Amino acid sequence: MKRKILAMMMAATMAIGMMGCQAASIDGEGTGKEAAQEGDGSIGLAISTLNNPFFVSLSEGASAAADEAGVSLITVDARDDVAKQTSDVEDLISKNVSVLIINPVDSDAIAPAIKDAVEKGIKVISVDRIVNGVDVDCQIASDNVEGAKMATEYLLEMVGKDAKVAEIQGVPGASATIDRGEGFHKVADESFDVVSSQTANFNRAEGLTVMENILQSASDLQGVFAHNDEMALGALEAVSSAGKDIKIVGFDATDDAIAAVKEGKMAATVAQQPESMGETAVKTAVKLINDEEVEKNIPVEVTLITKDTAE
């Protein structure tokens, strides 16, 4: 009888042990993911290129915010190379960073590496550019709608109500094109006679050609809003060749555009805030490390650059 009771006790003990092992195995999977989620408290910043002043400023803003917060920031430069950025991200994953901030070279090509990071429990923030097909924890980008609205309001001040204006659009379907078009039309539809809206695919040469075509059908044009500075500069070339005095507003505040604004050739451009983007990205990453809730989308304030403020 005693032997039978002892055998039953041993069997029960083994069963509990097996359940414990099974639970440990299940918990082990969960714990591994939780450990990956927690990481080592560091932040990885994968930049598309540091050969561009815009992204240098973004990196500097991120670095300053990391120093202020007392967190470790590991910055890697893809040099506009898709393969290198994929390798950079894989390296940051292996370093067990808690949060990955990604500024993609290519929004599609980087998606598999970002999915890998997400599956390993790493929090992900995209900055300036989105990652296609991946649900990241936060997306930080300039407020394109507000920037275009601001630019159009300034154009209204320059040419007056009911003036004939044209819109030169970016790549059809691109988020920047949609948002900047929305901002433009919020003002233009009630204030201007919009005689033409044509795409030039964010390209300077196409901006020149499109502007030449617009001038053939609207020689009395008074203003132009271009969705980016490259198209604005192309339009400026066409306007200058035609000997016209047309107010042109762009978007991005590139060096060439700012120079044109300073010289009075372009009326204005919209400056994005790369330093603020970097700062906001790191501050958001710190919140994620501390298990605080963050906004899914964070728009960054933009600034209008005119001749008076260009310096």
Protein backbone atom coordinates (compact mmCIF):
# COMPACT_ATOMS: atom_id res chain seq x y z
CA MET A 1 0.00 0.00 0.00
CA LYS A 2 2.80 2.35 0.96
CA ARG A 3 4.59 1.49 -2.26
CA LYS A 4 1.41 2.27 -4.23
CA ILE A 5 1.00 5.67 -2.49
CA LEU A 6 4.68 6.45 -3.06
CA ALA A 7 4.37 5.57 -6.75
CA MET A 8 1.31 7.80 -7.08
CA MET A 9 3.18 10.68 -5.39
CA MET A 10 6.16 10.22 -7.71
CA ALA A 11 3.88 10.18 -10.75
CA ALA A 12 2.16 13.36 -9.59
CA THR A 13 5.52 15.00 -9.01
CA MET A 14 6.71 14.04 -12.51
CA ALA A 15 3.48 15.37 -14.04
CA ILE A 16 3.89 18.67 -12.25
CA GLY A 17 7.52 18.74 -13.34
CA MET A 18 6.55 18.13 -16.95
CA MET A 19 3.93 20.87 -16.74
CA GLY A 20 6.57 23.15 -15.30
CA CYS A 21 8.95 22.33 -18.14
CA GLN A 22 6.18 22.96 -20.65
CA ALA A 23 5.35 26.26 -18.97
CA ALA A 24 9.01 27.16 -18.91
CA SER A 25 9.22 26.39 -22.59
CA ILE A 26 6.19 28.56 -23.34
CA ASP A 27 7.41 31.26 -21.01
CA GLY A 28 10.84 30.92 -22.53
CA GLU A 29 9.47 31.95 -25.90
CA GLY A 30 7.59 34.84 -24.35
CA THR A 31 10.54 35.81 -22.17
CA GLY A 32 12.82 35.82 -25.17
CA LYS A 33 10.51 38.24 -26.92
CA GLU A 34 10.10 40.35 -23.80
CA ALA A 35 13.88 40.47 -23.42
CA ALA A 36 14.16 41.57 -27.02
CA GLN A 37 11.48 44.17 -26.41
CA GLU A 38 13.36 45.50 -23.42
CA GLY A 39 16.72 45.19 -25.16
CA ASP A 40 19.72 46.76 -23.49
CA GLY A 41 18.19 50.23 -23.28
CA SER A 42 20.05 51.56 -26.32
CA ILE A 43 18.62 53.19 -29.46
CA GLY A 44 19.72 52.43 -33.00
CA LEU A 45 19.53 55.12 -35.67
CA ALA A 46 19.84 53.90 -39.25
CA ILE A 47 20.30 56.94 -41.49
CA SER A 48 19.95 56.80 -45.28
CA THR A 49 22.99 59.03 -45.82
CA LEU A 50 25.14 61.49 -43.90
CA ASN A 51 26.33 62.97 -47.19
CA ASN A 52 23.28 65.24 -47.17
CA PRO A 53 23.05 68.28 -44.85
CA PHE A 54 19.38 67.49 -44.17
CA PHE A 55 20.19 64.13 -42.63
CA VAL A 56 23.30 65.44 -40.88
CA SER A 57 21.00 67.87 -39.07
CA LEU A 58 18.57 65.05 -38.29
CA SER A 59 21.41 62.99 -36.81
CA GLU A 60 22.67 65.93 -34.77
CA GLY A 61 19.21 66.53 -33.34
CA ALA A 62 18.96 62.86 -32.38
CA SER A 63 22.43 62.87 -30.79
CA ALA A 64 21.68 65.98 -28.72
CA ALA A 65 18.40 64.48 -27.47
CA ALA A 66 20.14 61.19 -26.56
CA ASP A 67 22.83 63.05 -24.61
CA GLU A 68 20.17 65.01 -22.74
CA ALA A 69 18.23 61.84 -21.90
CA GLY A 70 21.35 59.93 -20.94
CA VAL A 71 20.72 57.05 -23.35
CA SER A 72 23.08 55.30 -25.73
CA LEU A 73 22.52 56.10 -29.41
CA ILE A 74 24.16 53.96 -32.09
CA THR A 75 24.12 55.74 -35.46
CA VAL A 76 24.85 53.93 -38.73
CA ASP A 77 25.16 55.52 -42.17
CA ALA A 78 23.89 53.56 -45.19
CA ARG A 79 25.45 56.04 -47.65
CA ASP A 80 22.33 55.70 -49.80
CA ASP A 81 23.08 51.99 -50.30
CA VAL A 82 20.07 49.70 -49.84
CA ALA A 83 22.17 46.58 -49.19
CA LYS A 84 24.30 48.39 -46.62
CA GLN A 85 21.25 49.68 -44.78
CA THR A 86 19.81 46.18 -44.59
CA SER A 87 23.12 45.03 -43.12
CA ASP A 88 23.12 48.02 -40.75
CA VAL A 89 19.67 47.13 -39.44
CA GLU A 90 20.61 43.47 -39.01
CA ASP A 91 23.67 44.57 -37.05
CA LEU A 92 21.57 46.80 -34.78
CA ILE A 93 19.18 43.89 -34.18
CA SER A 94 22.13 41.69 -33.16
CA LYS A 95 23.27 44.44 -30.77
CA ASN A 96 19.89 44.02 -29.00
CA VAL A 97 18.85 47.67 -29.23
CA SER A 98 15.57 48.48 -27.55
CA VAL A 99 14.33 50.84 -30.26
CA LEU A 100 15.27 51.16 -33.92
CA ILE A 101 14.86 54.54 -35.62
CA ILE A 102 14.87 54.05 -39.38
CA ASN A 103 15.26 56.64 -42.12
CA PRO A 104 14.94 54.38 -45.17
CA VAL A 105 17.06 54.56 -48.29
CA ASP A 106 14.23 52.68 -50.01
CA SER A 107 10.85 52.31 -48.27
CA ASP A 108 10.15 48.97 -49.97
CA ALA A 109 13.59 47.36 -49.87
CA ILE A 110 14.11 47.89 -46.14
CA ALA A 111 10.75 46.33 -45.21
CA PRO A 112 11.99 42.72 -44.71
CA ALA A 113 14.72 43.84 -42.30
CA ILE A 114 12.26 46.01 -40.36
CA LYS A 115 9.80 43.12 -40.18
CA ASP A 116 12.60 41.04 -38.68
CA ALA A 117 13.19 43.72 -36.04
CA VAL A 118 9.47 43.88 -35.21
CA GLU A 119 9.24 40.08 -34.93
CA LYS A 120 12.11 40.13 -32.45
CA GLY A 121 10.19 42.59 -30.30
CA ILE A 122 12.21 45.69 -31.15
CA LYS A 123 10.20 48.90 -31.24
CA VAL A 124 10.49 50.76 -34.54
CA ILE A 125 10.17 54.45 -35.40
CA SER A 126 10.31 55.65 -39.01
CA VAL A 127 11.53 59.18 -39.54
CA ASP A 128 11.08 61.44 -42.60
CA ARG A 129 10.22 58.46 -44.82
CA ILE A 130 7.80 55.61 -44.24
CA VAL A 131 8.44 51.86 -44.36
CA ASN A 132 6.00 50.31 -46.79
CA GLY A 133 4.06 47.28 -45.63
CA VAL A 134 5.21 47.37 -42.00
CA ASP A 135 3.19 48.57 -39.02
CA VAL A 136 5.81 50.54 -37.08
CA ASP A 137 5.27 51.93 -33.59
CA CYS A 138 5.55 55.57 -34.66
CA GLN A 139 6.02 57.56 -37.85
CA ILE A 140 7.61 61.02 -37.67
CA ALA A 141 7.52 63.33 -40.67
CA SER A 142 6.99 66.94 -41.64
CA ASP A 143 3.44 68.24 -41.76
CA ASN A 144 3.19 68.48 -45.53
CA VAL A 145 -0.42 69.65 -45.48
CA GLU A 146 0.34 72.56 -43.18
CA GLY A 147 3.52 73.44 -45.08
CA ALA A 148 1.71 73.63 -48.41
CA LYS A 149 -1.14 75.61 -46.86
CA MET A 150 1.38 78.08 -45.41
CA ALA A 151 3.15 78.42 -48.76
CA THR A 152 -0.12 79.01 -50.61
CA GLU A 153 -1.24 81.63 -48.10
CA TYR A 154 2.02 83.48 -48.73
CA LEU A 155 1.50 83.21 -52.49
CA LEU A 156 -1.93 84.75 -51.94
CA GLU A 157 -0.29 87.70 -50.19
CA MET A 158 2.05 88.14 -53.16
CA VAL A 159 -0.41 87.91 -56.08
CA GLY A 160 -3.81 88.69 -54.54
CA LYS A 161 -7.21 87.03 -54.63
CA ASP A 162 -8.52 85.61 -57.92
CA ALA A 163 -5.04 85.61 -59.45
CA LYS A 164 -4.29 82.97 -62.08
CA VAL A 165 -1.96 80.35 -60.61
CA ALA A 166 -0.68 76.90 -61.49
CA GLU A 167 0.13 73.86 -59.36
CA ILE A 168 3.06 71.63 -60.29
CA GLN A 169 2.52 68.28 -58.60
CA GLY A 170 4.92 65.59 -57.46
CA VAL A 171 4.83 61.86 -58.18
CA PRO A 172 1.19 60.72 -58.46
CA GLY A 173 0.14 58.64 -55.47
CA ALA A 174 3.12 59.63 -53.32
CA SER A 175 2.14 60.67 -49.80
CA ALA A 176 3.99 64.00 -50.14
CA THR A 177 2.13 64.75 -53.38
CA ILE A 178 -1.24 63.98 -51.83
CA ASP A 179 -0.58 65.97 -48.66
CA ARG A 180 0.98 69.00 -50.33
CA GLY A 181 -1.81 69.06 -52.88
CA GLU A 182 -4.34 68.99 -50.07
CA GLY A 183 -2.66 71.92 -48.32
CA PHE A 184 -2.52 73.92 -51.54
CA HIS A 185 -6.18 73.39 -52.41
CA LYS A 186 -7.35 74.30 -48.90
CA VAL A 187 -6.40 77.87 -49.83
CA ALA A 188 -6.36 77.90 -53.61
CA ASP A 189 -9.86 76.58 -54.25
CA GLU A 190 -11.38 79.61 -52.52
CA SER A 191 -8.78 82.22 -53.42
CA PHE A 192 -7.30 81.57 -56.89
CA ASP A 193 -8.17 80.81 -60.44
CA VAL A 194 -6.19 77.57 -60.72
CA VAL A 195 -5.60 77.35 -64.46
CA SER A 196 -3.45 74.21 -64.41
CA SER A 197 -2.43 71.32 -62.16
CA GLN A 198 0.16 69.07 -63.78
CA THR A 199 2.67 66.53 -62.53
CA ALA A 200 6.43 66.88 -62.95
CA ASN A 201 7.35 63.93 -60.70
CA PHE A 202 9.50 65.98 -58.28
CA ASN A 203 11.99 66.41 -61.15
CA ARG A 204 13.66 69.69 -62.15
CA ALA A 205 13.84 68.93 -65.88
CA GLU A 206 10.19 67.89 -65.94
CA GLY A 207 9.32 71.02 -63.98
CA LEU A 208 10.90 73.07 -66.77
CA THR A 209 8.97 71.27 -69.49
CA VAL A 210 5.66 71.40 -67.63
CA MET A 211 6.10 75.11 -66.94
CA GLU A 212 6.83 75.80 -70.61
CA ASN A 213 3.62 74.01 -71.55
CA ILE A 214 1.59 75.90 -68.96
CA LEU A 215 2.91 79.25 -70.21
CA GLN A 216 1.77 78.44 -73.74
CA SER A 217 -1.85 78.21 -72.59
CA ALA A 218 -1.71 80.73 -69.73
CA SER A 219 0.60 83.57 -70.69
CA ASP A 220 -0.97 85.82 -68.04
CA LEU A 221 -0.11 83.46 -65.19
CA GLN A 222 0.74 85.24 -61.92
CA GLY A 223 1.82 82.51 -59.50
CA VAL A 224 3.02 78.93 -59.16
CA PHE A 225 3.10 76.47 -56.28
CA ALA A 226 5.44 73.54 -56.87
CA HIS A 227 5.33 70.50 -54.59
CA ASN A 228 9.12 70.57 -54.22
CA ASP A 229 12.05 72.88 -54.92
CA GLU A 230 13.44 70.86 -57.81
CA MET A 231 10.25 71.42 -59.82
CA ALA A 232 10.10 75.03 -58.63
CA LEU A 233 13.63 75.62 -59.92
CA GLY A 234 12.73 74.04 -63.25
CA ALA A 235 9.69 76.29 -63.44
CA LEU A 236 11.89 79.27 -62.58
CA GLU A 237 14.14 78.49 -65.54
CA ALA A 238 11.16 78.40 -67.90
CA VAL A 239 9.75 81.64 -66.49
CA SER A 240 13.11 83.40 -66.75
CA SER A 241 13.56 82.26 -70.36
CA ALA A 242 10.10 83.61 -71.18
CA GLY A 243 10.90 86.94 -69.55
CA LYS A 244 7.93 86.66 -67.20
CA ASP A 245 7.48 87.98 -63.67
CA ILE A 246 5.70 85.10 -61.94
CA LYS A 247 5.83 84.39 -58.21
CA ILE A 248 7.05 80.85 -57.54
CA VAL A 249 6.86 79.03 -54.22
CA GLY A 250 8.52 75.66 -53.61
CA PHE A 251 8.95 73.14 -50.81
CA ASP A 252 12.02 71.62 -49.06
CA ALA A 253 14.36 74.61 -48.63
CA THR A 254 17.21 73.07 -50.62
CA ASP A 255 20.40 75.10 -50.96
CA ASP A 256 19.61 76.09 -54.56
CA ALA A 257 16.10 77.14 -53.63
CA ILE A 258 17.23 79.22 -50.66
CA ALA A 259 19.79 80.93 -52.88
CA ALA A 260 17.02 81.70 -55.39
CA VAL A 261 14.84 83.11 -52.60
CA LYS A 262 17.69 85.31 -51.35
CA GLU A 263 18.20 86.66 -54.87
CA GLY A 264 14.47 87.38 -55.22
CA LYS A 265 14.05 84.87 -58.04
CA MET A 266 11.77 82.59 -56.02
CA ALA A 267 9.15 84.01 -53.68
CA ALA A 268 9.50 81.40 -50.95
CA THR A 269 10.13 77.79 -50.00
CA VAL A 270 9.08 75.64 -47.06
CA ALA A 271 11.76 74.41 -44.68
CA GLN A 272 11.36 71.09 -43.01
CA GLN A 273 12.91 70.68 -39.56
CA PRO A 274 15.34 67.75 -39.72
CA GLU A 275 16.97 68.56 -36.38
CA SER A 276 13.56 68.58 -34.73
CA MET A 277 12.73 65.26 -36.41
CA GLY A 278 15.83 63.65 -34.92
CA GLU A 279 15.14 65.11 -31.50
CA THR A 280 11.50 64.01 -31.57
CA ALA A 281 12.47 60.51 -32.72
CA VAL A 282 14.83 59.97 -29.77
CA LYS A 283 12.40 61.45 -27.24
CA THR A 284 9.72 59.10 -28.59
CA ALA A 285 12.14 56.16 -28.41
CA VAL A 286 12.82 56.92 -24.74
CA LYS A 287 9.07 56.87 -24.08
CA LEU A 288 8.83 53.45 -25.75
CA ILE A 289 11.71 52.14 -23.62
CA ASN A 290 9.82 53.34 -20.55
CA ASP A 291 6.63 51.60 -21.75
CA GLU A 292 4.85 54.91 -22.22
CA GLU A 293 2.21 55.39 -24.90
CA VAL A 294 3.22 57.35 -27.99
CA GLU A 295 1.33 58.82 -30.92
CA LYS A 296 1.24 56.61 -33.99
CA ASN A 297 1.96 59.57 -36.26
CA ILE A 298 3.85 62.69 -35.19
CA PRO A 299 3.91 65.61 -37.66
CA VAL A 300 6.88 67.97 -37.37
CA GLU A 301 6.40 71.71 -37.69
CA VAL A 302 7.52 73.37 -40.91
CA THR A 303 8.71 76.92 -41.56
CA LEU A 304 8.19 79.31 -44.45
CA ILE A 305 11.41 80.78 -45.88
CA THR A 306 11.09 84.15 -47.61
CA LYS A 307 13.67 86.72 -48.68
CA ASP A 308 13.28 88.42 -45.30
CA THR A 309 13.95 85.22 -43.35
CA ALA A 310 16.30 83.36 -45.71
CA GLU A 311 19.44 84.41 -43.84
